[in-house]
C-alpha atoms as a PDB file:
ATOM      1  CA  UNK A   1     124.844  72.510  98.994  1.00  0.00           C
ATOM      2  CA  UNK A   2     125.205  76.245  99.611  1.00  0.00           C
ATOM      3  CA  UNK A   3     128.805  75.748 100.675  1.00  0.00           C
ATOM      4  CA  UNK A   4     129.564  73.855  97.463  1.00  0.00           C
ATOM      5  CA  UNK A   5     128.068  76.772  95.510  1.00  0.00           C
ATOM      6  CA  UNK A   6     130.377  79.155  97.385  1.00  0.00           C
ATOM      7  CA  UNK A   7     133.351  76.861  96.794  1.00  0.00           C
ATOM      8  CA  UNK A   8     132.759  76.825  93.046  1.00  0.00           C
ATOM      9  CA  UNK A   9     132.008  80.558  92.930  1.00  0.00           C
ATOM     10  CA  UNK A  10     135.248  81.305  94.780  1.00  0.00           C
ATOM     11  CA  UNK A  11     137.228  79.253  92.247  1.00  0.00           C
ATOM     12  CA  UNK A  12     135.603  80.920  89.230  1.00  0.00           C
ATOM     13  CA  UNK A  13     135.954  84.411  90.722  1.00  0.00           C
ATOM     14  CA  UNK A  14     139.558  83.726  91.698  1.00  0.00           C
ATOM     15  CA  UNK A  15     140.463  82.382  88.256  1.00  0.00           C
ATOM     16  CA  UNK A  16     138.626  85.243  86.545  1.00  0.00           C
ATOM     17  CA  UNK A  17     137.012  82.895  84.044  1.00  0.00           C
ATOM     18  CA  UNK A  18     133.430  82.123  83.105  1.00  0.00           C
ATOM     19  CA  UNK A  19     134.293  78.702  81.708  1.00  0.00           C
ATOM     20  CA  UNK A  20     136.819  76.100  82.817  1.00  0.00           C
ATOM     21  CA  UNK A  21     137.566  72.550  81.757  1.00  0.00           C
ATOM     22  CA  UNK A  22     137.105  69.813  84.345  1.00  0.00           C
ATOM     23  CA  UNK A  23     140.901  69.538  84.540  1.00  0.00           C
ATOM     24  CA  UNK A  24     141.290  73.289  85.172  1.00  0.00           C
ATOM     25  CA  UNK A  25     138.673  73.102  87.930  1.00  0.00           C
ATOM     26  CA  UNK A  26     140.365  70.088  89.471  1.00  0.00           C
ATOM     27  CA  UNK A  27     143.753  71.815  89.430  1.00  0.00           C
ATOM     28  CA  UNK A  28     142.325  75.006  90.918  1.00  0.00           C
ATOM     29  CA  UNK A  29     140.743  73.073  93.816  1.00  0.00           C
ATOM     30  CA  UNK A  30     143.530  70.574  94.394  1.00  0.00           C
ATOM     31  CA  UNK A  31     146.738  72.377  93.443  1.00  0.00           C
ATOM     32  CA  UNK A  32     146.106  76.120  93.545  1.00  0.00           C
ATOM     33  CA  UNK A  33     143.889  76.245  96.646  1.00  0.00           C
ATOM     34  CA  UNK A  34     145.062  72.920  98.127  1.00  0.00           C
ATOM     35  CA  UNK A  35     141.593  72.293  99.493  1.00  0.00           C
ATOM     36  CA  UNK A  36     141.066  68.752  98.195  1.00  0.00           C
ATOM     37  CA  UNK A  37     142.897  65.841  96.647  1.00  0.00           C
ATOM     38  CA  UNK A  38     142.510  65.411  92.894  1.00  0.00           C
ATOM     39  CA  UNK A  39     140.022  62.580  93.327  1.00  0.00           C
ATOM     40  CA  UNK A  40     137.960  64.581  95.848  1.00  0.00           C
ATOM     41  CA  UNK A  41     137.943  67.578  93.485  1.00  0.00           C
ATOM     42  CA  UNK A  42     136.800  65.353  90.602  1.00  0.00           C
ATOM     43  CA  UNK A  43     134.071  63.857  92.784  1.00  0.00           C
ATOM     44  CA  UNK A  44     132.820  67.328  93.720  1.00  0.00           C
ATOM     45  CA  UNK A  45     132.874  68.433  90.080  1.00  0.00           C
ATOM     46  CA  UNK A  46     130.825  65.382  89.055  1.00  0.00           C
ATOM     47  CA  UNK A  47     128.428  65.972  91.958  1.00  0.00           C
ATOM     48  CA  UNK A  48     128.029  69.646  90.983  1.00  0.00           C
ATOM     49  CA  UNK A  49     127.292  68.619  87.384  1.00  0.00           C
ATOM     50  CA  UNK A  50     124.630  66.099  88.511  1.00  0.00           C
ATOM     51  CA  UNK A  51     123.043  68.650  90.824  1.00  0.00           C
ATOM     52  CA  UNK A  52     122.942  71.359  88.167  1.00  0.00           C
ATOM     53  CA  UNK A  53     125.397  73.755  89.831  1.00  0.00           C
ATOM     54  CA  UNK A  54     127.714  73.293  86.855  1.00  0.00           C
ATOM     55  CA  UNK A  55     126.775  72.816  83.210  1.00  0.00           C
ATOM     56  CA  UNK A  56     129.002  71.311  80.535  1.00  0.00           C
ATOM     57  CA  UNK A  57     129.259  73.287  77.321  1.00  0.00           C
ATOM     58  CA  UNK A  58     131.564  73.161  74.292  1.00  0.00           C
ATOM     59  CA  UNK A  59     133.794  75.699  76.072  1.00  0.00           C
ATOM     60  CA  UNK A  60     133.970  73.701  79.316  1.00  0.00           C
ATOM     61  CA  UNK A  61     132.114  73.849  82.609  1.00  0.00           C
ATOM     62  CA  UNK A  62     130.122  76.972  83.455  1.00  0.00           C
ATOM     63  CA  UNK A  63     128.278  77.829  86.644  1.00  0.00           C
ATOM     64  CA  UNK A  64     124.492  77.779  86.494  1.00  0.00           C
ATOM     65  CA  UNK A  65     124.402  80.887  88.708  1.00  0.00           C
ATOM     66  CA  UNK A  66     126.275  84.195  88.876  1.00  0.00           C
ATOM     67  CA  UNK A  67     129.312  83.728  91.157  1.00  0.00           C
ATOM     68  CA  UNK A  68     129.709  87.490  91.598  1.00  0.00           C
ATOM     69  CA  UNK A  69     126.339  87.663  93.387  1.00  0.00           C
ATOM     70  CA  UNK A  70     127.544  85.360  96.163  1.00  0.00           C
ATOM     71  CA  UNK A  71     128.840  86.834  99.407  1.00  0.00           C
ATOM     72  CA  UNK A  72     132.167  85.051  99.864  1.00  0.00           C
ATOM     73  CA  UNK A  73     134.816  86.140 102.378  1.00  0.00           C
ATOM     74  CA  UNK A  74     138.293  86.886 101.034  1.00  0.00           C
ATOM     75  CA  UNK A  75     139.812  84.066 103.125  1.00  0.00           C
ATOM     76  CA  UNK A  76     137.089  81.537 102.267  1.00  0.00           C
ATOM     77  CA  UNK A  77     137.936  77.878 102.754  1.00  0.00           C
ATOM     78  CA  UNK A  78     135.318  75.129 102.469  1.00  0.00           C
ATOM     79  CA  UNK A  79     134.653  73.041 105.561  1.00  0.00           C
ATOM     80  CA  UNK A  80     134.767  69.244 105.685  1.00  0.00           C
ATOM     81  CA  UNK A  81     130.993  69.255 105.227  1.00  0.00           C
ATOM     82  CA  UNK A  82     131.471  69.757 101.475  1.00  0.00           C
ATOM     83  CA  UNK A  83     133.268  66.422 101.207  1.00  0.00           C
ATOM     84  CA  UNK A  84     130.531  64.705 103.188  1.00  0.00           C
ATOM     85  CA  UNK A  85     128.339  65.161 100.116  1.00  0.00           C
ATOM     86  CA  UNK A  86     130.559  62.517  98.519  1.00  0.00           C
ATOM     87  CA  UNK A  87     131.075  60.247 101.501  1.00  0.00           C
ATOM     88  CA  UNK A  88     127.533  59.616 102.666  1.00  0.00           C
ATOM     89  CA  UNK A  89     126.462  56.270 101.276  1.00  0.00           C
ATOM     90  CA  UNK A  90     123.493  55.820 103.601  1.00  0.00           C
ATOM     91  CA  UNK A  91     121.774  59.178 104.077  1.00  0.00           C
ATOM     92  CA  UNK A  92     119.361  57.775 106.654  1.00  0.00           C
ATOM     93  CA  UNK A  93     122.084  56.640 109.063  1.00  0.00           C
ATOM     94  CA  UNK A  94     123.940  59.908 108.598  1.00  0.00           C
ATOM     95  CA  UNK A  95     120.752  61.903 109.224  1.00  0.00           C
ATOM     96  CA  UNK A  96     120.030  60.015 112.454  1.00  0.00           C
ATOM     97  CA  UNK A  97     123.621  60.556 113.582  1.00  0.00           C
ATOM     98  CA  UNK A  98     123.368  64.299 112.834  1.00  0.00           C
ATOM     99  CA  UNK A  99     120.115  64.550 114.826  1.00  0.00           C
ATOM    100  CA  UNK A 100     121.669  62.656 117.755  1.00  0.00           C
ATOM    101  CA  UNK A 101     124.753  64.881 117.752  1.00  0.00           C
ATOM    102  CA  UNK A 102     122.776  68.125 117.568  1.00  0.00           C
ATOM    103  CA  UNK A 103     119.857  67.467 119.881  1.00  0.00           C
ATOM    104  CA  UNK A 104     119.184  66.188 123.358  1.00  0.00           C
ATOM    105  CA  UNK A 105     116.871  63.444 122.100  1.00  0.00           C
ATOM    106  CA  UNK A 106     117.818  59.781 122.527  1.00  0.00           C
ATOM    107  CA  UNK A 107     118.225  57.602 119.447  1.00  0.00           C
ATOM    108  CA  UNK A 108     115.242  55.437 120.426  1.00  0.00           C
ATOM    109  CA  UNK A 109     112.924  58.466 120.549  1.00  0.00           C
ATOM    110  CA  UNK A 110     114.347  59.847 117.292  1.00  0.00           C
ATOM    111  CA  UNK A 111     113.631  56.516 115.584  1.00  0.00           C
ATOM    112  CA  UNK A 112     110.114  56.398 117.026  1.00  0.00           C
ATOM    113  CA  UNK A 113     109.401  59.891 115.649  1.00  0.00           C
ATOM    114  CA  UNK A 114     110.832  58.990 112.252  1.00  0.00           C
ATOM    115  CA  UNK A 115     108.753  55.806 112.064  1.00  0.00           C
ATOM    116  CA  UNK A 116     105.590  57.669 113.093  1.00  0.00           C
ATOM    117  CA  UNK A 117     106.070  60.335 110.418  1.00  0.00           C
ATOM    118  CA  UNK A 118     106.935  57.741 107.795  1.00  0.00           C
ATOM    119  CA  UNK A 119     103.734  55.806 108.492  1.00  0.00           C
ATOM    120  CA  UNK A 120     101.455  58.817 108.953  1.00  0.00           C
ATOM    121  CA  UNK A 121     102.585  60.626 105.803  1.00  0.00           C
ATOM    122  CA  UNK A 122     103.617  57.624 103.686  1.00  0.00           C
ATOM    123  CA  UNK A 123     107.049  59.086 102.870  1.00  0.00           C
ATOM    124  CA  UNK A 124     110.474  57.493 102.625  1.00  0.00           C
ATOM    125  CA  UNK A 125     112.368  56.973 105.850  1.00  0.00           C
ATOM    126  CA  UNK A 126     114.946  59.571 104.750  1.00  0.00           C
ATOM    127  CA  UNK A 127     112.260  62.232 104.206  1.00  0.00           C
ATOM    128  CA  UNK A 128     110.791  61.391 107.615  1.00  0.00           C
ATOM    129  CA  UNK A 129     114.243  61.802 109.205  1.00  0.00           C
ATOM    130  CA  UNK A 130     114.621  65.226 107.558  1.00  0.00           C
ATOM    131  CA  UNK A 131     111.234  66.226 108.942  1.00  0.00           C
ATOM    132  CA  UNK A 132     112.268  65.162 112.458  1.00  0.00           C
ATOM    133  CA  UNK A 133     115.515  67.109 112.098  1.00  0.00           C
ATOM    134  CA  UNK A 134     113.640  70.220 110.980  1.00  0.00           C
ATOM    135  CA  UNK A 135     111.229  69.916 113.925  1.00  0.00           C
ATOM    136  CA  UNK A 136     114.286  69.954 116.198  1.00  0.00           C
ATOM    137  CA  UNK A 137     116.041  72.825 114.368  1.00  0.00           C
ATOM    138  CA  UNK A 138     118.889  70.556 113.259  1.00  0.00           C
ATOM    139  CA  UNK A 139     120.546  71.768 110.047  1.00  0.00           C
ATOM    140  CA  UNK A 140     120.309  69.055 107.357  1.00  0.00           C
ATOM    141  CA  UNK A 141     120.046  71.029 104.100  1.00  0.00           C
ATOM    142  CA  UNK A 142     123.211  69.350 102.816  1.00  0.00           C
ATOM    143  CA  UNK A 143     121.300  66.032 102.782  1.00  0.00           C
ATOM    144  CA  UNK A 144     118.610  67.197 100.332  1.00  0.00           C
ATOM    145  CA  UNK A 145     120.482  66.138  97.166  1.00  0.00           C
ATOM    146  CA  UNK A 146     121.320  62.739  98.660  1.00  0.00           C
ATOM    147  CA  UNK A 147     117.732  62.078  99.695  1.00  0.00           C
ATOM    148  CA  UNK A 148     116.464  63.305  96.334  1.00  0.00           C
ATOM    149  CA  UNK A 149     118.797  60.848  94.604  1.00  0.00           C
ATOM    150  CA  UNK A 150     117.514  58.049  96.861  1.00  0.00           C
ATOM    151  CA  UNK A 151     113.896  58.923  95.967  1.00  0.00           C
ATOM    152  CA  UNK A 152     114.745  58.814  92.243  1.00  0.00           C
ATOM    153  CA  UNK A 153     116.424  55.434  92.789  1.00  0.00           C
ATOM    154  CA  UNK A 154     113.334  54.032  94.503  1.00  0.00           C
ATOM    155  CA  UNK A 155     110.996  55.467  91.858  1.00  0.00           C
ATOM    156  CA  UNK A 156     112.995  53.979  88.989  1.00  0.00           C
ATOM    157  CA  UNK A 157     113.015  50.578  90.730  1.00  0.00           C
ATOM    158  CA  UNK A 158     109.221  50.686  91.117  1.00  0.00           C
ATOM    159  CA  UNK A 159     108.827  51.557  87.434  1.00  0.00           C
ATOM    160  CA  UNK A 160     110.841  48.557  86.330  1.00  0.00           C
ATOM    161  CA  UNK A 161     108.927  46.133  88.609  1.00  0.00           C
END
């Protein structure tokens, strides 16, 4: 999420504007910087709006934070991780894969730890996976919004039942 904040701050700082339309943002990301396709840029804009990084006003989209306070290198370019915010459909599988790739623990043991935490603390399986990752010093902060969305989904389903 921090990298998405930097990406947006870079665009706003570079354009020298406090407010931009969605189309101006899309063009800045896709055409000016050539970081993303138009559809990827639109997906990131929508994601940033949902997560509260951007706010829609009568004048256009404004950042919910001060972009000038961010430490952004002159040659900043977002990594592929930013796009993964859009691509992850099953956060749990992606979390397990990240833990496997960044630790020496076998998948079977990872799953056992996740299941134990889920049962002991009565949390969702995604939250348990984040806890296992944190115990192993595996960076998973970019999954927080996805897991939060999943929790809201589950809570709204329980309400309607």
